[in-house]
Amino acid sequence: MATQRYMLRKISTLPLARFGCVLGGVAMLLPGIVCALIGVQGIAILRTFLENLEGSEMNLLGAPVELDFIAVLGLETLQALVSRLDDQRFIVALLIILVSILGGGFLIGLIILLLGWSYNILAALTGGLEVELRQ
């Protein structure tokens, strides 16, 4: 069997970056789903907490006094936002998953692109990798 030697002197970085983006997006699918479930559940818990603050009743000097902590603390806009997000759970979950996939894809693509550039610089200085192939 004849062997042939090849020198790998340069890697094309654009396909490498595309591969990194796809790899990062696929890798972030499951963590994105987990983050979406935790985020949606956290929003539901926050909404329940804020609704319980709204009509709290205290006993002052033997007389029941109803306090609205939302109004006292100025949390009306936060309560409205949390309520709106809780009403749109499915869309919020999809947005969290999408941002996770896009962010992970971009980050891994960028890292692999930088590694490709680094290899090309080192290969220009050292001659690159030598690969031996048999037929």
Protein backbone atom coordinates (compact mmCIF):
# COMPACT_ATOMS: atom_id res chain seq x y z
CA MET A 1 0.00 0.00 0.00
CA ALA A 2 1.30 3.38 -0.97
CA THR A 3 1.21 6.19 1.52
CA GLN A 4 0.93 9.83 0.63
CA ARG A 5 1.78 12.76 2.84
CA TYR A 6 -0.11 16.02 2.80
CA MET A 7 0.51 19.26 4.63
CA LEU A 8 -2.49 21.05 6.10
CA ARG A 9 -1.33 24.65 5.79
CA LYS A 10 -4.60 26.60 5.91
CA ILE A 11 -8.17 26.06 7.07
CA SER A 12 -11.02 27.93 5.41
CA THR A 13 -12.54 29.92 8.28
CA LEU A 14 -16.00 30.76 6.90
CA PRO A 15 -17.23 27.12 6.73
CA LEU A 16 -15.56 26.57 10.09
CA ALA A 17 -17.53 29.48 11.60
CA ARG A 18 -20.79 28.19 10.05
CA PHE A 19 -20.14 24.76 11.52
CA GLY A 20 -19.44 26.35 14.92
CA CYS A 21 -22.71 28.30 14.78
CA VAL A 22 -24.72 25.18 14.00
CA LEU A 23 -22.85 23.19 16.64
CA GLY A 24 -23.40 25.90 19.27
CA GLY A 25 -27.08 26.21 18.42
CA VAL A 26 -27.67 22.49 18.69
CA ALA A 27 -25.65 22.32 21.91
CA MET A 28 -27.77 25.10 23.47
CA LEU A 29 -31.16 23.59 22.62
CA LEU A 30 -31.55 21.54 25.80
CA PRO A 31 -30.12 24.22 28.15
CA GLY A 32 -32.42 26.73 26.44
CA ILE A 33 -35.45 24.56 27.12
CA VAL A 34 -34.42 24.15 30.77
CA CYS A 35 -33.87 27.92 31.14
CA ALA A 36 -37.25 28.60 29.53
CA LEU A 37 -39.03 26.26 31.94
CA ILE A 38 -37.25 27.77 34.94
CA GLY A 39 -37.90 31.32 33.69
CA VAL A 40 -41.60 30.76 33.06
CA GLN A 41 -41.99 29.08 36.45
CA GLY A 42 -40.12 31.96 38.11
CA ILE A 43 -42.43 34.49 36.47
CA ALA A 44 -45.49 32.56 37.71
CA ILE A 45 -44.10 32.46 41.26
CA LEU A 46 -43.30 36.19 41.14
CA ARG A 47 -46.81 36.97 39.91
CA THR A 48 -48.34 34.97 42.78
CA PHE A 49 -46.07 36.73 45.28
CA LEU A 50 -46.98 40.18 43.96
CA GLU A 51 -50.70 39.36 43.96
CA ASN A 52 -50.44 38.25 47.60
CA LEU A 53 -48.78 41.56 48.50
CA GLU A 54 -51.61 43.51 46.95
CA GLY A 55 -54.24 42.89 49.58
CA SER A 56 -52.34 42.15 52.80
CA GLU A 57 -54.19 42.63 56.06
CA MET A 58 -52.52 43.56 59.35
CA ASN A 59 -53.89 43.88 62.84
CA LEU A 60 -52.94 47.28 64.31
CA LEU A 61 -54.08 48.02 67.88
CA GLY A 62 -56.86 45.47 67.59
CA ALA A 63 -58.29 46.89 64.36
CA PRO A 64 -57.72 45.16 61.04
CA VAL A 65 -55.97 47.40 58.52
CA GLU A 66 -55.65 46.46 54.88
CA LEU A 67 -52.38 47.52 53.26
CA ASP A 68 -51.60 47.56 49.58
CA PHE A 69 -47.82 47.04 49.49
CA ILE A 70 -47.82 47.24 45.68
CA ALA A 71 -49.04 50.85 45.84
CA VAL A 72 -46.85 51.72 48.84
CA LEU A 73 -43.68 50.40 47.16
CA GLY A 74 -44.60 51.69 43.70
CA LEU A 75 -44.58 48.25 42.07
CA GLU A 76 -47.62 48.71 39.83
CA THR A 77 -45.61 48.71 36.59
CA LEU A 78 -43.63 45.64 37.69
CA GLN A 79 -46.84 43.82 38.56
CA ALA A 80 -48.37 44.71 35.20
CA LEU A 81 -45.25 43.53 33.35
CA VAL A 82 -45.06 40.26 35.29
CA SER A 83 -48.77 39.65 34.73
CA ARG A 84 -48.41 40.26 30.99
CA LEU A 85 -45.39 37.96 30.78
CA ASP A 86 -47.19 35.26 32.76
CA ASP A 87 -50.20 35.52 30.43
CA GLN A 88 -47.87 35.00 27.44
CA ARG A 89 -45.94 32.01 28.87
CA PHE A 90 -45.59 30.14 25.60
CA ILE A 91 -44.16 33.13 23.72
CA VAL A 92 -41.79 33.95 26.61
CA ALA A 93 -40.56 30.35 26.67
CA LEU A 94 -40.01 30.35 22.90
CA LEU A 95 -38.10 33.64 23.11
CA ILE A 96 -35.84 32.31 25.86
CA ILE A 97 -35.12 29.17 23.82
CA LEU A 98 -34.47 31.21 20.67
CA VAL A 99 -32.12 33.63 22.44
CA SER A 100 -30.26 30.70 24.00
CA ILE A 101 -29.83 28.95 20.65
CA LEU A 102 -28.75 32.12 18.83
CA GLY A 103 -26.45 33.22 21.63
CA GLY A 104 -24.82 29.81 21.95
CA GLY A 105 -24.46 29.49 18.19
CA PHE A 106 -22.85 32.91 17.91
CA LEU A 107 -20.51 32.29 20.84
CA ILE A 108 -19.32 28.84 19.74
CA GLY A 109 -19.05 30.04 16.13
CA LEU A 110 -16.88 32.94 17.24
CA ILE A 111 -14.66 30.70 19.36
CA ILE A 112 -14.16 28.20 16.54
CA LEU A 113 -13.50 31.04 14.10
CA LEU A 114 -10.79 32.39 16.41
CA LEU A 115 -9.31 28.91 16.69
CA GLY A 116 -9.25 28.64 12.89
CA TRP A 117 -7.47 31.98 12.57
CA SER A 118 -5.01 30.91 15.26
CA TYR A 119 -4.29 27.67 13.42
CA ASN A 120 -3.75 29.52 10.14
CA ILE A 121 -1.27 31.89 11.80
CA LEU A 122 0.59 29.04 13.46
CA ALA A 123 0.56 26.97 10.25
CA ALA A 124 2.07 29.89 8.34
CA LEU A 125 4.87 30.07 10.90
CA THR A 126 5.49 26.35 11.43
CA GLY A 127 4.36 24.71 8.19
CA GLY A 128 1.11 23.23 9.48
CA LEU A 129 0.11 19.66 10.24
CA GLU A 130 1.38 16.76 8.24
CA VAL A 131 -1.19 14.08 7.41
CA GLU A 132 -0.28 10.64 6.10
CA LEU A 133 -2.91 8.84 4.00
CA ARG A 134 -2.93 5.23 2.78
CA GLN A 135 -4.83 3.91 -0.19
